[in-house]
Amino acid sequence: PPDTLSGSVIAQAFRDRGLDLPPTTII
């Protein structure tokens, strides 16, 4: 989940590449 600590780090990694989070089948 993007509202967890690990999820927020992953979301930031996509933003650093100029990307949104990809469509996710299961969170």
mmCIF file of all heavy atoms, coordinates in Angstrom:
data_MODEL
# 
_entry.id   MODEL 
# 
loop_
_atom_site.group_PDB 
_atom_site.id 
_atom_site.type_symbol 
_atom_site.label_atom_id 
_atom_site.label_alt_id 
_atom_site.label_comp_id 
_atom_site.label_asym_id 
_atom_site.label_entity_id 
_atom_site.label_seq_id 
_atom_site.pdbx_PDB_ins_code 
_atom_site.Cartn_x 
_atom_site.Cartn_y 
_atom_site.Cartn_z 
_atom_site.occupancy 
_atom_site.B_iso_or_equiv 
_atom_site.pdbx_formal_charge 
_atom_site.auth_seq_id 
_atom_site.auth_comp_id 
_atom_site.auth_asym_id 
_atom_site.auth_atom_id 
_atom_site.pdbx_PDB_model_num 
ATOM 1   N N   . PRO A 1 1  ? 0.832  -1.207 0.000   1.00 0.00 ? 1  PRO A N   1 
ATOM 2   C CA  . PRO A 1 1  ? 0.000  0.000  0.000   1.00 0.00 ? 1  PRO A CA  1 
ATOM 3   C C   . PRO A 1 1  ? 0.869  1.261  0.000   1.00 0.00 ? 1  PRO A C   1 
ATOM 4   O O   . PRO A 1 1  ? 1.858  1.336  0.731   1.00 0.00 ? 1  PRO A O   1 
ATOM 5   C CB  . PRO A 1 1  ? -0.797 -0.115 1.307   1.00 0.00 ? 1  PRO A CB  1 
ATOM 6   C CG  . PRO A 1 1  ? -0.801 -1.576 1.622   1.00 0.00 ? 1  PRO A CG  1 
ATOM 7   C CD  . PRO A 1 1  ? 0.518  -2.099 1.133   1.00 0.00 ? 1  PRO A CD  1 
ATOM 8   N N   . PRO A 1 2  ? 0.527  2.254  -0.801  1.00 0.00 ? 2  PRO A N   1 
ATOM 9   C CA  . PRO A 1 2  ? 1.358  3.462  -0.896  1.00 0.00 ? 2  PRO A CA  1 
ATOM 10  C C   . PRO A 1 2  ? 1.372  4.296  0.380   1.00 0.00 ? 2  PRO A C   1 
ATOM 11  O O   . PRO A 1 2  ? 2.246  5.148  0.543   1.00 0.00 ? 2  PRO A O   1 
ATOM 12  C CB  . PRO A 1 2  ? 0.731  4.243  -2.054  1.00 0.00 ? 2  PRO A CB  1 
ATOM 13  C CG  . PRO A 1 2  ? -0.648 3.709  -2.189  1.00 0.00 ? 2  PRO A CG  1 
ATOM 14  C CD  . PRO A 1 2  ? -0.601 2.287  -1.759  1.00 0.00 ? 2  PRO A CD  1 
ATOM 15  N N   . ASP A 1 3  ? 0.424  4.046  1.305   1.00 0.00 ? 3  ASP A N   1 
ATOM 16  C CA  . ASP A 1 3  ? 0.413  4.817  2.550   1.00 0.00 ? 3  ASP A CA  1 
ATOM 17  C C   . ASP A 1 3  ? 1.239  4.160  3.660   1.00 0.00 ? 3  ASP A C   1 
ATOM 18  O O   . ASP A 1 3  ? 1.257  4.634  4.790   1.00 0.00 ? 3  ASP A O   1 
ATOM 19  C CB  . ASP A 1 3  ? -1.014 5.045  3.038   1.00 0.00 ? 3  ASP A CB  1 
ATOM 20  C CG  . ASP A 1 3  ? -1.780 3.739  3.279   1.00 0.00 ? 3  ASP A CG  1 
ATOM 21  O OD1 . ASP A 1 3  ? -1.264 2.665  2.912   1.00 0.00 ? 3  ASP A OD1 1 
ATOM 22  O OD2 . ASP A 1 3  ? -2.893 3.802  3.853   1.00 0.00 ? 3  ASP A OD2 1 
ATOM 23  N N   . THR A 1 4  ? 1.950  3.048  3.336   1.00 0.00 ? 4  THR A N   1 
ATOM 24  C CA  . THR A 1 4  ? 2.898  2.457  4.277   1.00 0.00 ? 4  THR A CA  1 
ATOM 25  C C   . THR A 1 4  ? 4.283  3.041  4.015   1.00 0.00 ? 4  THR A C   1 
ATOM 26  O O   . THR A 1 4  ? 4.522  3.674  2.974   1.00 0.00 ? 4  THR A O   1 
ATOM 27  C CB  . THR A 1 4  ? 2.950  0.929  4.128   1.00 0.00 ? 4  THR A CB  1 
ATOM 28  O OG1 . THR A 1 4  ? 3.391  0.603  2.794   1.00 0.00 ? 4  THR A OG1 1 
ATOM 29  C CG2 . THR A 1 4  ? 1.578  0.314  4.363   1.00 0.00 ? 4  THR A CG2 1 
ATOM 30  N N   . LEU A 1 5  ? 5.214  2.826  4.956   1.00 0.00 ? 5  LEU A N   1 
ATOM 31  C CA  . LEU A 1 5  ? 6.559  3.366  4.782   1.00 0.00 ? 5  LEU A CA  1 
ATOM 32  C C   . LEU A 1 5  ? 7.238  2.784  3.548   1.00 0.00 ? 5  LEU A C   1 
ATOM 33  O O   . LEU A 1 5  ? 7.806  3.513  2.733   1.00 0.00 ? 5  LEU A O   1 
ATOM 34  C CB  . LEU A 1 5  ? 7.393  3.098  6.033   1.00 0.00 ? 5  LEU A CB  1 
ATOM 35  C CG  . LEU A 1 5  ? 7.030  3.919  7.272   1.00 0.00 ? 5  LEU A CG  1 
ATOM 36  C CD1 . LEU A 1 5  ? 7.816  3.435  8.478   1.00 0.00 ? 5  LEU A CD1 1 
ATOM 37  C CD2 . LEU A 1 5  ? 7.288  5.401  7.031   1.00 0.00 ? 5  LEU A CD2 1 
ATOM 38  N N   . SER A 1 6  ? 7.192  1.466  3.402   1.00 0.00 ? 6  SER A N   1 
ATOM 39  C CA  . SER A 1 6  ? 7.836  0.848  2.232   1.00 0.00 ? 6  SER A CA  1 
ATOM 40  C C   . SER A 1 6  ? 7.117  1.259  0.953   1.00 0.00 ? 6  SER A C   1 
ATOM 41  O O   . SER A 1 6  ? 7.761  1.503  -0.078  1.00 0.00 ? 6  SER A O   1 
ATOM 42  C CB  . SER A 1 6  ? 7.843  -0.673 2.374   1.00 0.00 ? 6  SER A CB  1 
ATOM 43  O OG  . SER A 1 6  ? 6.529  -1.176 2.538   1.00 0.00 ? 6  SER A OG  1 
ATOM 44  N N   . GLY A 1 7  ? 5.784  1.350  1.006   1.00 0.00 ? 7  GLY A N   1 
ATOM 45  C CA  . GLY A 1 7  ? 5.043  1.761  -0.179  1.00 0.00 ? 7  GLY A CA  1 
ATOM 46  C C   . GLY A 1 7  ? 5.360  3.182  -0.604  1.00 0.00 ? 7  GLY A C   1 
ATOM 47  O O   . GLY A 1 7  ? 5.429  3.493  -1.800  1.00 0.00 ? 7  GLY A O   1 
ATOM 48  N N   . SER A 1 8  ? 5.592  4.075  0.369   1.00 0.00 ? 8  SER A N   1 
ATOM 49  C CA  . SER A 1 8  ? 5.918  5.463  0.037   1.00 0.00 ? 8  SER A CA  1 
ATOM 50  C C   . SER A 1 8  ? 7.300  5.567  -0.601  1.00 0.00 ? 8  SER A C   1 
ATOM 51  O O   . SER A 1 8  ? 7.517  6.392  -1.497  1.00 0.00 ? 8  SER A O   1 
ATOM 52  C CB  . SER A 1 8  ? 5.849  6.336  1.289   1.00 0.00 ? 8  SER A CB  1 
ATOM 53  O OG  . SER A 1 8  ? 6.844  5.964  2.237   1.00 0.00 ? 8  SER A OG  1 
ATOM 54  N N   . VAL A 1 9  ? 8.237  4.725  -0.164  1.00 0.00 ? 9  VAL A N   1 
ATOM 55  C CA  . VAL A 1 9  ? 9.574  4.717  -0.764  1.00 0.00 ? 9  VAL A CA  1 
ATOM 56  C C   . VAL A 1 9  ? 9.499  4.248  -2.216  1.00 0.00 ? 9  VAL A C   1 
ATOM 57  O O   . VAL A 1 9  ? 10.152 4.799  -3.112  1.00 0.00 ? 9  VAL A O   1 
ATOM 58  C CB  . VAL A 1 9  ? 10.529 3.829  0.052   1.00 0.00 ? 9  VAL A CB  1 
ATOM 59  C CG1 . VAL A 1 9  ? 11.850 3.620  -0.684  1.00 0.00 ? 9  VAL A CG1 1 
ATOM 60  C CG2 . VAL A 1 9  ? 10.786 4.441  1.419   1.00 0.00 ? 9  VAL A CG2 1 
ATOM 61  N N   . ILE A 1 10 ? 8.682  3.225  -2.460  1.00 0.00 ? 10 ILE A N   1 
ATOM 62  C CA  . ILE A 1 10 ? 8.512  2.717  -3.826  1.00 0.00 ? 10 ILE A CA  1 
ATOM 63  C C   . ILE A 1 10 ? 7.842  3.766  -4.712  1.00 0.00 ? 10 ILE A C   1 
ATOM 64  O O   . ILE A 1 10 ? 8.259  3.992  -5.858  1.00 0.00 ? 10 ILE A O   1 
ATOM 65  C CB  . ILE A 1 10 ? 7.698  1.412  -3.797  1.00 0.00 ? 10 ILE A CB  1 
ATOM 66  C CG1 . ILE A 1 10 ? 8.532  0.300  -3.150  1.00 0.00 ? 10 ILE A CG1 1 
ATOM 67  C CG2 . ILE A 1 10 ? 7.258  1.010  -5.202  1.00 0.00 ? 10 ILE A CG2 1 
ATOM 68  C CD1 . ILE A 1 10 ? 7.756  -0.966 -2.861  1.00 0.00 ? 10 ILE A CD1 1 
ATOM 69  N N   . ALA A 1 11 ? 6.819  4.420  -4.184  1.00 0.00 ? 11 ALA A N   1 
ATOM 70  C CA  . ALA A 1 11 ? 6.147  5.465  -4.964  1.00 0.00 ? 11 ALA A CA  1 
ATOM 71  C C   . ALA A 1 11 ? 7.115  6.577  -5.333  1.00 0.00 ? 11 ALA A C   1 
ATOM 72  O O   . ALA A 1 11 ? 7.089  7.108  -6.457  1.00 0.00 ? 11 ALA A O   1 
ATOM 73  C CB  . ALA A 1 11 ? 4.957  6.017  -4.168  1.00 0.00 ? 11 ALA A CB  1 
ATOM 74  N N   . GLN A 1 12 ? 8.005  6.928  -4.401  1.00 0.00 ? 12 GLN A N   1 
ATOM 75  C CA  . GLN A 1 12 ? 8.990  7.969  -4.672  1.00 0.00 ? 12 GLN A CA  1 
ATOM 76  C C   . GLN A 1 12 ? 9.972  7.528  -5.752  1.00 0.00 ? 12 GLN A C   1 
ATOM 77  O O   . GLN A 1 12 ? 10.414 8.336  -6.575  1.00 0.00 ? 12 GLN A O   1 
ATOM 78  C CB  . GLN A 1 12 ? 9.749  8.331  -3.396  1.00 0.00 ? 12 GLN A CB  1 
ATOM 79  C CG  . GLN A 1 12 ? 10.730 9.485  -3.560  1.00 0.00 ? 12 GLN A CG  1 
ATOM 80  C CD  . GLN A 1 12 ? 10.046 10.765 -3.984  1.00 0.00 ? 12 GLN A CD  1 
ATOM 81  O OE1 . GLN A 1 12 ? 9.047  11.184 -3.360  1.00 0.00 ? 12 GLN A OE1 1 
ATOM 82  N NE2 . GLN A 1 12 ? 10.542 11.413 -5.033  1.00 0.00 ? 12 GLN A NE2 1 
ATOM 83  N N   . ALA A 1 13 ? 10.300 6.241  -5.776  1.00 0.00 ? 13 ALA A N   1 
ATOM 84  C CA  . ALA A 1 13 ? 11.217 5.727  -6.806  1.00 0.00 ? 13 ALA A CA  1 
ATOM 85  C C   . ALA A 1 13 ? 10.626 5.898  -8.198  1.00 0.00 ? 13 ALA A C   1 
ATOM 86  O O   . ALA A 1 13 ? 11.348 6.222  -9.157  1.00 0.00 ? 13 ALA A O   1 
ATOM 87  C CB  . ALA A 1 13 ? 11.522 4.252  -6.539  1.00 0.00 ? 13 ALA A CB  1 
ATOM 88  N N   . PHE A 1 14 ? 9.316  5.688  -8.332  1.00 0.00 ? 14 PHE A N   1 
ATOM 89  C CA  . PHE A 1 14 ? 8.667  5.918  -9.629  1.00 0.00 ? 14 PHE A CA  1 
ATOM 90  C C   . PHE A 1 14 ? 8.649  7.407  -9.961  1.00 0.00 ? 14 PHE A C   1 
ATOM 91  O O   . PHE A 1 14 ? 8.922  7.795  -11.105 1.00 0.00 ? 14 PHE A O   1 
ATOM 92  C CB  . PHE A 1 14 ? 7.237  5.357  -9.612  1.00 0.00 ? 14 PHE A CB  1 
ATOM 93  C CG  . PHE A 1 14 ? 7.165  3.872  -9.849  1.00 0.00 ? 14 PHE A CG  1 
ATOM 94  C CD1 . PHE A 1 14 ? 7.204  2.979  -8.789  1.00 0.00 ? 14 PHE A CD1 1 
ATOM 95  C CD2 . PHE A 1 14 ? 7.060  3.365  -11.133 1.00 0.00 ? 14 PHE A CD2 1 
ATOM 96  C CE1 . PHE A 1 14 ? 7.134  1.611  -8.997  1.00 0.00 ? 14 PHE A CE1 1 
ATOM 97  C CE2 . PHE A 1 14 ? 6.997  1.989  -11.367 1.00 0.00 ? 14 PHE A CE2 1 
ATOM 98  C CZ  . PHE A 1 14 ? 7.031  1.117  -10.293 1.00 0.00 ? 14 PHE A CZ  1 
ATOM 99  N N   . ARG A 1 15 ? 8.345  8.249  -8.962  1.00 0.00 ? 15 ARG A N   1 
ATOM 100 C CA  . ARG A 1 15 ? 8.321  9.692  -9.215  1.00 0.00 ? 15 ARG A CA  1 
ATOM 101 C C   . ARG A 1 15 ? 9.692  10.203 -9.630  1.00 0.00 ? 15 ARG A C   1 
ATOM 102 O O   . ARG A 1 15 ? 9.796  11.109 -10.464 1.00 0.00 ? 15 ARG A O   1 
ATOM 103 C CB  . ARG A 1 15 ? 7.827  10.436 -7.976  1.00 0.00 ? 15 ARG A CB  1 
ATOM 104 C CG  . ARG A 1 15 ? 6.334  10.275 -7.710  1.00 0.00 ? 15 ARG A CG  1 
ATOM 105 C CD  . ARG A 1 15 ? 5.828  11.291 -6.703  1.00 0.00 ? 15 ARG A CD  1 
ATOM 106 N NE  . ARG A 1 15 ? 6.415  11.074 -5.384  1.00 0.00 ? 15 ARG A NE  1 
ATOM 107 C CZ  . ARG A 1 15 ? 5.863  10.312 -4.442  1.00 0.00 ? 15 ARG A CZ  1 
ATOM 108 N NH1 . ARG A 1 15 ? 4.734  9.676  -4.682  1.00 0.00 ? 15 ARG A NH1 1 
ATOM 109 N NH2 . ARG A 1 15 ? 6.448  10.181 -3.261  1.00 0.00 ? 15 ARG A NH2 1 
ATOM 110 N N   . ASP A 1 16 ? 10.756 9.622  -9.057  1.00 0.00 ? 16 ASP A N   1 
ATOM 111 C CA  . ASP A 1 16 ? 12.111 10.032 -9.418  1.00 0.00 ? 16 ASP A CA  1 
ATOM 112 C C   . ASP A 1 16 ? 12.417 9.760  -10.888 1.00 0.00 ? 16 ASP A C   1 
ATOM 113 O O   . ASP A 1 16 ? 13.319 10.372 -11.454 1.00 0.00 ? 16 ASP A O   1 
ATOM 114 C CB  . ASP A 1 16 ? 13.139 9.305  -8.539  1.00 0.00 ? 16 ASP A CB  1 
ATOM 115 C CG  . ASP A 1 16 ? 13.100 9.769  -7.093  1.00 0.00 ? 16 ASP A CG  1 
ATOM 116 O OD1 . ASP A 1 16 ? 12.585 10.871 -6.834  1.00 0.00 ? 16 ASP A OD1 1 
ATOM 117 O OD2 . ASP A 1 16 ? 13.574 9.022  -6.212  1.00 0.00 ? 16 ASP A OD2 1 
ATOM 118 N N   . ARG A 1 17 ? 11.683 8.828  -11.475 1.00 0.00 ? 17 ARG A N   1 
ATOM 119 C CA  . ARG A 1 17 ? 11.827 8.537  -12.903 1.00 0.00 ? 17 ARG A CA  1 
ATOM 120 C C   . ARG A 1 17 ? 10.782 9.268  -13.737 1.00 0.00 ? 17 ARG A C   1 
ATOM 121 O O   . ARG A 1 17 ? 10.636 9.001  -14.927 1.00 0.00 ? 17 ARG A O   1 
ATOM 122 C CB  . ARG A 1 17 ? 11.699 7.021  -13.140 1.00 0.00 ? 17 ARG A CB  1 
ATOM 123 C CG  . ARG A 1 17 ? 12.846 6.190  -12.595 1.00 0.00 ? 17 ARG A CG  1 
ATOM 124 C CD  . ARG A 1 17 ? 14.098 6.374  -13.441 1.00 0.00 ? 17 ARG A CD  1 
ATOM 125 N NE  . ARG A 1 17 ? 15.122 5.399  -13.141 1.00 0.00 ? 17 ARG A NE  1 
ATOM 126 C CZ  . ARG A 1 17 ? 16.022 5.508  -12.172 1.00 0.00 ? 17 ARG A CZ  1 
ATOM 127 N NH1 . ARG A 1 17 ? 16.007 6.592  -11.400 1.00 0.00 ? 17 ARG A NH1 1 
ATOM 128 N NH2 . ARG A 1 17 ? 16.936 4.573  -11.983 1.00 0.00 ? 17 ARG A NH2 1 
ATOM 129 N N   . GLY A 1 18 ? 10.030 10.192 -13.102 1.00 0.00 ? 18 GLY A N   1 
ATOM 130 C CA  . GLY A 1 18 ? 8.993  10.912 -13.810 1.00 0.00 ? 18 GLY A CA  1 
ATOM 131 C C   . GLY A 1 18 ? 7.775  10.074 -14.102 1.00 0.00 ? 18 GLY A C   1 
ATOM 132 O O   . GLY A 1 18 ? 7.028  10.362 -15.055 1.00 0.00 ? 18 GLY A O   1 
ATOM 133 N N   . LEU A 1 19 ? 7.510  9.055  -13.280 1.00 0.00 ? 19 LEU A N   1 
ATOM 134 C CA  . LEU A 1 19 ? 6.420  8.114  -13.512 1.00 0.00 ? 19 LEU A CA  1 
ATOM 135 C C   . LEU A 1 19 ? 5.439  8.111  -12.348 1.00 0.00 ? 19 LEU A C   1 
ATOM 136 O O   . LEU A 1 19 ? 5.817  8.359  -11.199 1.00 0.00 ? 19 LEU A O   1 
ATOM 137 C CB  . LEU A 1 19 ? 6.975  6.689  -13.686 1.00 0.00 ? 19 LEU A CB  1 
ATOM 138 C CG  . LEU A 1 19 ? 8.020  6.477  -14.780 1.00 0.00 ? 19 LEU A CG  1 
ATOM 139 C CD1 . LEU A 1 19 ? 8.656  5.094  -14.631 1.00 0.00 ? 19 LEU A CD1 1 
ATOM 140 C CD2 . LEU A 1 19 ? 7.383  6.631  -16.159 1.00 0.00 ? 19 LEU A CD2 1 
ATOM 141 N N   . ASP A 1 20 ? 4.186  7.820  -12.651 1.00 0.00 ? 20 ASP A N   1 
ATOM 142 C CA  . ASP A 1 20 ? 3.220  7.512  -11.609 1.00 0.00 ? 20 ASP A CA  1 
ATOM 143 C C   . ASP A 1 20 ? 3.346  6.040  -11.247 1.00 0.00 ? 20 ASP A C   1 
ATOM 144 O O   . ASP A 1 20 ? 3.979  5.256  -11.965 1.00 0.00 ? 20 ASP A O   1 
ATOM 145 C CB  . ASP A 1 20 ? 1.797  7.795  -12.106 1.00 0.00 ? 20 ASP A CB  1 
ATOM 146 C CG  . ASP A 1 20 ? 1.563  9.273  -12.366 1.00 0.00 ? 20 ASP A CG  1 
ATOM 147 O OD1 . ASP A 1 20 ? 2.131  10.104 -11.609 1.00 0.00 ? 20 ASP A OD1 1 
ATOM 148 O OD2 . ASP A 1 20 ? 0.826  9.599  -13.319 1.00 0.00 ? 20 ASP A OD2 1 
ATOM 149 N N   . LEU A 1 21 ? 2.733  5.660  -10.137 1.00 0.00 ? 21 LEU A N   1 
ATOM 150 C CA  . LEU A 1 21 ? 2.688  4.240  -9.810  1.00 0.00 ? 21 LEU A CA  1 
ATOM 151 C C   . LEU A 1 21 ? 1.957  3.485  -10.917 1.00 0.00 ? 21 LEU A C   1 
ATOM 152 O O   . LEU A 1 21 ? 0.939  3.969  -11.445 1.00 0.00 ? 21 LEU A O   1 
ATOM 153 C CB  . LEU A 1 21 ? 1.978  4.003  -8.484  1.00 0.00 ? 21 LEU A CB  1 
ATOM 154 C CG  . LEU A 1 21 ? 2.800  4.210  -7.208  1.00 0.00 ? 21 LEU A CG  1 
ATOM 155 C CD1 . LEU A 1 21 ? 1.895  4.123  -5.990  1.00 0.00 ? 21 LEU A CD1 1 
ATOM 156 C CD2 . LEU A 1 21 ? 3.927  3.201  -7.106  1.00 0.00 ? 21 LEU A CD2 1 
ATOM 157 N N   . PRO A 1 22 ? 2.428  2.307  -11.294 1.00 0.00 ? 22 PRO A N   1 
ATOM 158 C CA  . PRO A 1 22 ? 1.735  1.557  -12.346 1.00 0.00 ? 22 PRO A CA  1 
ATOM 159 C C   . PRO A 1 22 ? 0.413  1.013  -11.842 1.00 0.00 ? 22 PRO A C   1 
ATOM 160 O O   . PRO A 1 22 ? 0.208  0.864  -10.627 1.00 0.00 ? 22 PRO A O   1 
ATOM 161 C CB  . PRO A 1 22 ? 2.720  0.413  -12.652 1.00 0.00 ? 22 PRO A CB  1 
ATOM 162 C CG  . PRO A 1 22 ? 3.443  0.204  -11.362 1.00 0.00 ? 22 PRO A CG  1 
ATOM 163 C CD  . PRO A 1 22 ? 3.586  1.579  -10.761 1.00 0.00 ? 22 PRO A CD  1 
ATOM 164 N N   . PRO A 1 23 ? -0.520 0.702  -12.725 1.00 0.00 ? 23 PRO A N   1 
ATOM 165 C CA  . PRO A 1 23 ? -1.745 0.022  -12.299 1.00 0.00 ? 23 PRO A CA  1 
ATOM 166 C C   . PRO A 1 23 ? -1.380 -1.278 -11.576 1.00 0.00 ? 23 PRO A C   1 
ATOM 167 O O   . PRO A 1 23 ? -0.569 -2.065 -12.066 1.00 0.00 ? 23 PRO A O   1 
ATOM 168 C CB  . PRO A 1 23 ? -2.481 -0.255 -13.616 1.00 0.00 ? 23 PRO A CB  1 
ATOM 169 C CG  . PRO A 1 23 ? -1.937 0.764  -14.568 1.00 0.00 ? 23 PRO A CG  1 
ATOM 170 C CD  . PRO A 1 23 ? -0.505 0.969  -14.176 1.00 0.00 ? 23 PRO A CD  1 
ATOM 171 N N   . THR A 1 24 ? -1.950 -1.471 -10.399 1.00 0.00 ? 24 THR A N   1 
ATOM 172 C CA  . THR A 1 24 ? -1.558 -2.596 -9.550  1.00 0.00 ? 24 THR A CA  1 
ATOM 173 C C   . THR A 1 24 ? -2.721 -3.570 -9.427  1.00 0.00 ? 24 THR A C   1 
ATOM 174 O O   . THR A 1 24 ? -3.837 -3.182 -9.054  1.00 0.00 ? 24 THR A O   1 
ATOM 175 C CB  . THR A 1 24 ? -1.147 -2.097 -8.157  1.00 0.00 ? 24 THR A CB  1 
ATOM 176 O OG1 . THR A 1 24 ? -0.121 -1.105 -8.309  1.00 0.00 ? 24 THR A OG1 1 
ATOM 177 C CG2 . THR A 1 24 ? -0.610 -3.234 -7.314  1.00 0.00 ? 24 THR A CG2 1 
ATOM 178 N N   . THR A 1 25 ? -2.451 -4.844 -9.707  1.00 0.00 ? 25 THR A N   1 
ATOM 179 C CA  . THR A 1 25 ? -3.499 -5.861 -9.671  1.00 0.00 ? 25 THR A CA  1 
ATOM 180 C C   . THR A 1 25 ? -3.899 -6.199 -8.246  1.00 0.00 ? 25 THR A C   1 
ATOM 181 O O   . THR A 1 25 ? -5.075 -6.331 -7.929  1.00 0.00 ? 25 THR A O   1 
ATOM 182 C CB  . THR A 1 25 ? -3.028 -7.138 -10.399 1.00 0.00 ? 25 THR A CB  1 
ATOM 183 O OG1 . THR A 1 25 ? -2.673 -6.801 -11.743 1.00 0.00 ? 25 THR A OG1 1 
ATOM 184 C CG2 . THR A 1 25 ? -4.124 -8.192 -10.414 1.00 0.00 ? 25 THR A CG2 1 
ATOM 185 N N   . ILE A 1 26 ? -2.900 -6.362 -7.356  1.00 0.00 ? 26 ILE A N   1 
ATOM 186 C CA  . ILE A 1 26 ? -3.199 -6.645 -5.962  1.00 0.00 ? 26 ILE A CA  1 
ATOM 187 C C   . ILE A 1 26 ? -2.261 -5.831 -5.079  1.00 0.00 ? 26 ILE A C   1 
ATOM 188 O O   . ILE A 1 26 ? -1.046 -5.815 -5.303  1.00 0.00 ? 26 ILE A O   1 
ATOM 189 C CB  . ILE A 1 26 ? -3.103 -8.151 -5.625  1.00 0.00 ? 26 ILE A CB  1 
ATOM 190 C CG1 . ILE A 1 26 ? -3.397 -8.386 -4.139  1.00 0.00 ? 26 ILE A CG1 1 
ATOM 191 C CG2 . ILE A 1 26 ? -1.767 -8.722 -6.020  1.00 0.00 ? 26 ILE A CG2 1 
ATOM 192 C CD1 . ILE A 1 26 ? -3.594 -9.847 -3.780  1.00 0.00 ? 26 ILE A CD1 1 
ATOM 193 N N   . ILE A 1 27 ? -2.824 -5.142 -4.106  1.00 0.00 ? 27 ILE A N   1 
ATOM 194 C CA  . ILE A 1 27 ? -2.052 -4.301 -3.189  1.00 0.00 ? 27 ILE A CA  1 
ATOM 195 C C   . ILE A 1 27 ? -1.993 -5.015 -1.842  1.00 0.00 ? 27 ILE A C   1 
ATOM 196 O O   . ILE A 1 27 ? -3.029 -5.254 -1.210  1.00 0.00 ? 27 ILE A O   1 
ATOM 197 C CB  . ILE A 1 27 ? -2.703 -2.916 -3.033  1.00 0.00 ? 27 ILE A CB  1 
ATOM 198 C CG1 . ILE A 1 27 ? -2.739 -2.198 -4.394  1.00 0.00 ? 27 ILE A CG1 1 
ATOM 199 C CG2 . ILE A 1 27 ? -1.949 -2.079 -2.013  1.00 0.00 ? 27 ILE A CG2 1 
ATOM 200 C CD1 . ILE A 1 27 ? -3.515 -0.894 -4.373  1.00 0.00 ? 27 ILE A CD1 1 
# 
